Every structure is written in structure tokens, then in C-alpha cells.
């Protein structure tokens, strides 16, 4: 399968009910649950980008 036919992976940052931050991965129509209990939005964003980069390297 070529890289053109694989769905794009998106990372979104969400604030949880407890006031902490998490990142959510979405690949095509599949949504993976929130990951992490980060104290800052920046930390969640950095972790989400690291996860995205790791997944893209495995493509």
C-alpha cells in the first residue's frame, strides 16, 4: 500500500473534566481514546506530536 492511499493521522488536544489535558489520535474514521493526564496544554501538544511522528515513521 502506498503512502498516498493511507489515511491521514490527526492529533487534537482536549481538556479533560478534571482540568488536565490529553491528546486524541484520529486516523481516517478511527478515533483512538484520549492519552495522558498532562498538567499543561503545551505538554499534551508535545506528546501528541511525538506520537504522531512515531506513527508516521512506522508507515
PDB file of N, CA and C in Angstrom:
ATOM      1  N   UNK A   1       0.846  -1.165   0.000  1.00  0.00           N
ATOM      2  CA  UNK A   1       0.000   0.000   0.000  1.00  0.00           C
ATOM      3  C   UNK A   1       0.898   1.237   0.000  1.00  0.00           C
ATOM      4  N   UNK A   2       0.638   2.169  -0.871  1.00  0.00           N
ATOM      5  CA  UNK A   2       1.451   3.374  -0.942  1.00  0.00           C
ATOM      6  C   UNK A   2       1.029   4.361   0.143  1.00  0.00           C
ATOM      7  N   UNK A   3       1.897   5.323   0.389  1.00  0.00           N
ATOM      8  CA  UNK A   3       1.589   6.337   1.404  1.00  0.00           C
ATOM      9  C   UNK A   3       0.407   7.202   1.005  1.00  0.00           C
ATOM     10  N   UNK A   4       0.143   7.328  -0.310  1.00  0.00           N
ATOM     11  CA  UNK A   4      -0.969   8.157  -0.765  1.00  0.00           C
ATOM     12  C   UNK A   4      -2.319   7.567  -0.391  1.00  0.00           C
ATOM     13  N   UNK A   5      -2.412   6.251  -0.302  1.00  0.00           N
ATOM     14  CA  UNK A   5      -3.701   5.628  -0.026  1.00  0.00           C
ATOM     15  C   UNK A   5      -3.968   5.426   1.465  1.00  0.00           C
ATOM     16  N   UNK A   6      -2.983   5.709   2.311  1.00  0.00           N
ATOM     17  CA  UNK A   6      -3.188   5.572   3.756  1.00  0.00           C
ATOM     18  C   UNK A   6      -3.873   6.818   4.299  1.00  0.00           C
ATOM     19  N   UNK A   7      -4.783   6.652   5.254  1.00  0.00           N
ATOM     20  CA  UNK A   7      -5.474   7.820   5.805  1.00  0.00           C
ATOM     21  C   UNK A   7      -4.525   8.707   6.610  1.00  0.00           C
ATOM     22  N   UNK A   8      -4.821   9.974   6.600  1.00  0.00           N
ATOM     23  CA  UNK A   8      -4.026  10.941   7.339  1.00  0.00           C
ATOM     24  C   UNK A   8      -4.284  10.785   8.835  1.00  0.00           C
ATOM     25  N   UNK A   9      -3.238  10.970   9.630  1.00  0.00           N
ATOM     26  CA  UNK A   9      -3.358  10.890  11.086  1.00  0.00           C
ATOM     27  C   UNK A   9      -3.424  12.312  11.635  1.00  0.00           C
ATOM     28  N   UNK A  10      -4.421  12.565  12.486  1.00  0.00           N
ATOM     29  CA  UNK A  10      -4.582  13.884  13.093  1.00  0.00           C
ATOM     30  C   UNK A  10      -4.471  13.767  14.607  1.00  0.00           C
ATOM     31  N   UNK A  11      -3.917  14.796  15.217  1.00  0.00           N
ATOM     32  CA  UNK A  11      -3.814  14.864  16.676  1.00  0.00           C
ATOM     33  C   UNK A  11      -4.587  16.093  17.144  1.00  0.00           C
ATOM     34  N   UNK A  12      -5.483  15.888  18.094  1.00  0.00           N
ATOM     35  CA  UNK A  12      -6.189  17.016  18.700  1.00  0.00           C
ATOM     36  C   UNK A  12      -5.929  17.009  20.200  1.00  0.00           C
ATOM     37  N   UNK A  13      -5.927  18.192  20.773  1.00  0.00           N
ATOM     38  CA  UNK A  13      -5.693  18.354  22.207  1.00  0.00           C
ATOM     39  C   UNK A  13      -7.026  18.697  22.856  1.00  0.00           C
ATOM     40  N   UNK A  14      -7.350  17.989  23.945  1.00  0.00           N
ATOM     41  CA  UNK A  14      -8.625  18.210  24.634  1.00  0.00           C
ATOM     42  C   UNK A  14      -8.396  18.400  26.124  1.00  0.00           C
ATOM     43  N   UNK A  15      -9.229  19.235  26.722  1.00  0.00           N
ATOM     44  CA  UNK A  15      -9.187  19.421  28.168  1.00  0.00           C
ATOM     45  C   UNK A  15     -10.158  18.432  28.800  1.00  0.00           C
ATOM     46  N   UNK A  16      -9.661  17.671  29.763  1.00  0.00           N
ATOM     47  CA  UNK A  16     -10.473  16.669  30.441  1.00  0.00           C
ATOM     48  C   UNK A  16     -11.311  17.319  31.536  1.00  0.00           C
ATOM     49  N   UNK A  17     -12.264  16.572  32.059  1.00  0.00           N
ATOM     50  CA  UNK A  17     -13.146  17.095  33.118  1.00  0.00           C
ATOM     51  C   UNK A  17     -12.400  17.462  34.390  1.00  0.00           C
ATOM     52  N   UNK A  18     -11.290  16.775  34.643  1.00  0.00           N
ATOM     53  CA  UNK A  18     -10.530  17.047  35.863  1.00  0.00           C
ATOM     54  C   UNK A  18      -9.567  18.228  35.702  1.00  0.00           C
ATOM     55  N   UNK A  19      -9.626  18.915  34.554  1.00  0.00           N
ATOM     56  CA  UNK A  19      -8.787  20.084  34.334  1.00  0.00           C
ATOM     57  C   UNK A  19      -7.453  19.781  33.690  1.00  0.00           C
ATOM     58  N   UNK A  20      -7.166  18.524  33.484  1.00  0.00           N
ATOM     59  CA  UNK A  20      -5.909  18.144  32.842  1.00  0.00           C
ATOM     60  C   UNK A  20      -6.112  18.054  31.334  1.00  0.00           C
ATOM     61  N   UNK A  21      -5.000  17.890  30.616  1.00  0.00           N
ATOM     62  CA  UNK A  21      -5.030  17.869  29.158  1.00  0.00           C
ATOM     63  C   UNK A  21      -4.645  16.491  28.632  1.00  0.00           C
ATOM     64  N   UNK A  22      -5.162  16.135  27.465  1.00  0.00           N
ATOM     65  CA  UNK A  22      -4.855  14.860  26.822  1.00  0.00           C
ATOM     66  C   UNK A  22      -4.840  15.074  25.314  1.00  0.00           C
ATOM     67  N   UNK A  23      -4.227  14.125  24.595  1.00  0.00           N
ATOM     68  CA  UNK A  23      -4.279  14.189  23.142  1.00  0.00           C
ATOM     69  C   UNK A  23      -5.060  13.001  22.608  1.00  0.00           C
ATOM     70  N   UNK A  24      -5.732  13.218  21.495  1.00  0.00           N
ATOM     71  CA  UNK A  24      -6.559  12.200  20.848  1.00  0.00           C
ATOM     72  C   UNK A  24      -6.025  12.010  19.440  1.00  0.00           C
ATOM     73  N   UNK A  25      -5.810  10.757  19.049  1.00  0.00           N
ATOM     74  CA  UNK A  25      -5.348  10.445  17.701  1.00  0.00           C
ATOM     75  C   UNK A  25      -6.525  10.018  16.842  1.00  0.00           C
ATOM     76  N   UNK A  26      -6.564  10.520  15.624  1.00  0.00           N
ATOM     77  CA  UNK A  26      -7.612  10.137  14.679  1.00  0.00           C
ATOM     78  C   UNK A  26      -6.937   9.749  13.369  1.00  0.00           C
ATOM     79  N   UNK A  27      -7.215   8.525  12.923  1.00  0.00           N
ATOM     80  CA  UNK A  27      -6.657   8.033  11.664  1.00  0.00           C
ATOM     81  C   UNK A  27      -7.815   7.623  10.777  1.00  0.00           C
ATOM     82  N   UNK A  28      -8.092   8.422   9.783  1.00  0.00           N
ATOM     83  CA  UNK A  28      -9.247   8.167   8.939  1.00  0.00           C
ATOM     84  C   UNK A  28     -10.512   8.346   9.756  1.00  0.00           C
ATOM     85  N   UNK A  29     -11.310   7.291   9.847  1.00  0.00           N
ATOM     86  CA  UNK A  29     -12.542   7.359  10.641  1.00  0.00           C
ATOM     87  C   UNK A  29     -12.373   6.741  12.023  1.00  0.00           C
ATOM     88  N   UNK A  30     -11.182   6.226  12.320  1.00  0.00           N
ATOM     89  CA  UNK A  30     -10.924   5.584  13.609  1.00  0.00           C
ATOM     90  C   UNK A  30     -10.395   6.628  14.587  1.00  0.00           C
ATOM     91  N   UNK A  31     -11.032   6.734  15.747  1.00  0.00           N
ATOM     92  CA  UNK A  31     -10.602   7.671  16.786  1.00  0.00           C
ATOM     93  C   UNK A  31     -10.081   6.860  17.966  1.00  0.00           C
ATOM     94  N   UNK A  32      -8.822   7.101  18.311  1.00  0.00           N
ATOM     95  CA  UNK A  32      -8.227   6.424  19.460  1.00  0.00           C
ATOM     96  C   UNK A  32      -8.495   7.267  20.704  1.00  0.00           C
ATOM     97  N   UNK A  33      -8.739   6.649  21.849  1.00  0.00           N
ATOM     98  CA  UNK A  33      -9.116   7.396  23.054  1.00  0.00           C
ATOM     99  C   UNK A  33      -8.029   8.374  23.506  1.00  0.00           C
ATOM    100  N   UNK A  34      -8.437   9.274  24.374  1.00  0.00           N
ATOM    101  CA  UNK A  34      -7.514  10.282  24.901  1.00  0.00           C
ATOM    102  C   UNK A  34      -6.368   9.608  25.646  1.00  0.00           C
ATOM    103  N   UNK A  35      -5.176  10.142  25.450  1.00  0.00           N
ATOM    104  CA  UNK A  35      -3.979   9.616  26.101  1.00  0.00           C
ATOM    105  C   UNK A  35      -3.387  10.700  26.983  1.00  0.00           C
ATOM    106  N   UNK A  36      -3.001  10.324  28.185  1.00  0.00           N
ATOM    107  CA  UNK A  36      -2.255  11.222  29.045  1.00  0.00           C
ATOM    108  C   UNK A  36      -3.108  12.012  30.019  1.00  0.00           C
ATOM    109  N   UNK A  37      -2.443  12.479  31.036  1.00  0.00           N
ATOM    110  CA  UNK A  37      -3.030  13.350  32.062  1.00  0.00           C
ATOM    111  C   UNK A  37      -2.024  14.483  32.267  1.00  0.00           C
ATOM    112  N   UNK A  38      -1.898  15.337  31.267  1.00  0.00           N
ATOM    113  CA  UNK A  38      -0.887  16.381  31.291  1.00  0.00           C
ATOM    114  C   UNK A  38      -1.401  17.614  32.025  1.00  0.00           C
ATOM    115  N   UNK A  39      -0.506  18.275  32.751  1.00  0.00           N
ATOM    116  CA  UNK A  39      -0.905  19.450  33.518  1.00  0.00           C
ATOM    117  C   UNK A  39      -1.000  20.697  32.653  1.00  0.00           C
ATOM    118  N   UNK A  40      -0.340  20.691  31.499  1.00  0.00           N
ATOM    119  CA  UNK A  40      -0.405  21.863  30.627  1.00  0.00           C
ATOM    120  C   UNK A  40      -0.774  21.449  29.208  1.00  0.00           C
ATOM    121  N   UNK A  41      -1.364  22.386  28.507  1.00  0.00           N
ATOM    122  CA  UNK A  41      -1.744  22.145  27.120  1.00  0.00           C
ATOM    123  C   UNK A  41      -0.494  21.939  26.265  1.00  0.00           C
ATOM    124  N   UNK A  42       0.570  22.645  26.568  1.00  0.00           N
ATOM    125  CA  UNK A  42       1.811  22.531  25.815  1.00  0.00           C
ATOM    126  C   UNK A  42       2.417  21.134  25.943  1.00  0.00           C
ATOM    127  N   UNK A  43       2.388  20.563  27.138  1.00  0.00           N
ATOM    128  CA  UNK A  43       2.917  19.214  27.344  1.00  0.00           C
ATOM    129  C   UNK A  43       2.101  18.186  26.567  1.00  0.00           C
ATOM    130  N   UNK A  44       0.786  18.339  26.554  1.00  0.00           N
ATOM    131  CA  UNK A  44      -0.072  17.424  25.800  1.00  0.00           C
ATOM    132  C   UNK A  44       0.191  17.559  24.308  1.00  0.00           C
ATOM    133  N   UNK A  45       0.388  18.785  23.850  1.00  0.00           N
ATOM    134  CA  UNK A  45       0.665  19.016  22.438  1.00  0.00           C
ATOM    135  C   UNK A  45       1.993  18.377  22.033  1.00  0.00           C
ATOM    136  N   UNK A  46       3.018  18.535  22.859  1.00  0.00           N
ATOM    137  CA  UNK A  46       4.328  17.953  22.569  1.00  0.00           C
ATOM    138  C   UNK A  46       4.255  16.430  22.527  1.00  0.00           C
ATOM    139  N   UNK A  47       3.546  15.829  23.468  1.00  0.00           N
ATOM    140  CA  UNK A  47       3.404  14.371  23.491  1.00  0.00           C
ATOM    141  C   UNK A  47       2.603  13.886  22.286  1.00  0.00           C
ATOM    142  N   UNK A  48       1.575  14.624  21.917  1.00  0.00           N
ATOM    143  CA  UNK A  48       0.774  14.264  20.749  1.00  0.00           C
ATOM    144  C   UNK A  48       1.580  14.328  19.472  1.00  0.00           C
ATOM    145  N   UNK A  49       2.409  15.355  19.331  1.00  0.00           N
ATOM    146  CA  UNK A  49       3.252  15.475  18.143  1.00  0.00           C
ATOM    147  C   UNK A  49       4.299  14.367  18.103  1.00  0.00           C
ATOM    148  N   UNK A  50       4.840  13.984  19.251  1.00  0.00           N
ATOM    149  CA  UNK A  50       5.801  12.882  19.303  1.00  0.00           C
ATOM    150  C   UNK A  50       5.139  11.570  18.893  1.00  0.00           C
ATOM    151  N   UNK A  51       3.910  11.346  19.348  1.00  0.00           N
ATOM    152  CA  UNK A  51       3.174  10.138  18.962  1.00  0.00           C
ATOM    153  C   UNK A  51       2.873  10.145  17.471  1.00  0.00           C
ATOM    154  N   UNK A  52       2.506  11.298  16.940  1.00  0.00           N
ATOM    155  CA  UNK A  52       2.225  11.427  15.514  1.00  0.00           C
ATOM    156  C   UNK A  52       3.467  11.123  14.691  1.00  0.00           C
ATOM    157  N   UNK A  53       4.592  11.666  15.096  1.00  0.00           N
ATOM    158  CA  UNK A  53       5.841  11.430  14.375  1.00  0.00           C
ATOM    159  C   UNK A  53       6.226   9.955  14.418  1.00  0.00           C
ATOM    160  N   UNK A  54       6.051   9.310  15.566  1.00  0.00           N
ATOM    161  CA  UNK A  54       6.365   7.887  15.687  1.00  0.00           C
ATOM    162  C   UNK A  54       5.474   7.045  14.782  1.00  0.00           C
ATOM    163  N   UNK A  55       4.194   7.382  14.716  1.00  0.00           N
ATOM    164  CA  UNK A  55       3.280   6.639  13.846  1.00  0.00           C
ATOM    165  C   UNK A  55       3.602   6.853  12.377  1.00  0.00           C
ATOM    166  N   UNK A  56       3.958   8.072  11.996  1.00  0.00           N
ATOM    167  CA  UNK A  56       4.284   8.353  10.606  1.00  0.00           C
ATOM    168  C   UNK A  56       5.576   7.674  10.188  1.00  0.00           C
ATOM    169  N   UNK A  57       6.524   7.509  11.112  1.00  0.00           N
ATOM    170  CA  UNK A  57       7.769   6.811  10.793  1.00  0.00           C
ATOM    171  C   UNK A  57       7.540   5.324  10.587  1.00  0.00           C
ATOM    172  N   UNK A  58       6.470   4.777  11.173  1.00  0.00           N
ATOM    173  CA  UNK A  58       6.155   3.355  11.027  1.00  0.00           C
ATOM    174  C   UNK A  58       5.364   3.061   9.769  1.00  0.00           C
ATOM    175  N   UNK A  59       4.953   4.075   9.042  1.00  0.00           N
ATOM    176  CA  UNK A  59       4.151   3.881   7.830  1.00  0.00           C
ATOM    177  C   UNK A  59       4.909   3.152   6.787  1.00  0.00           C
TER     178      UNK A  59
END
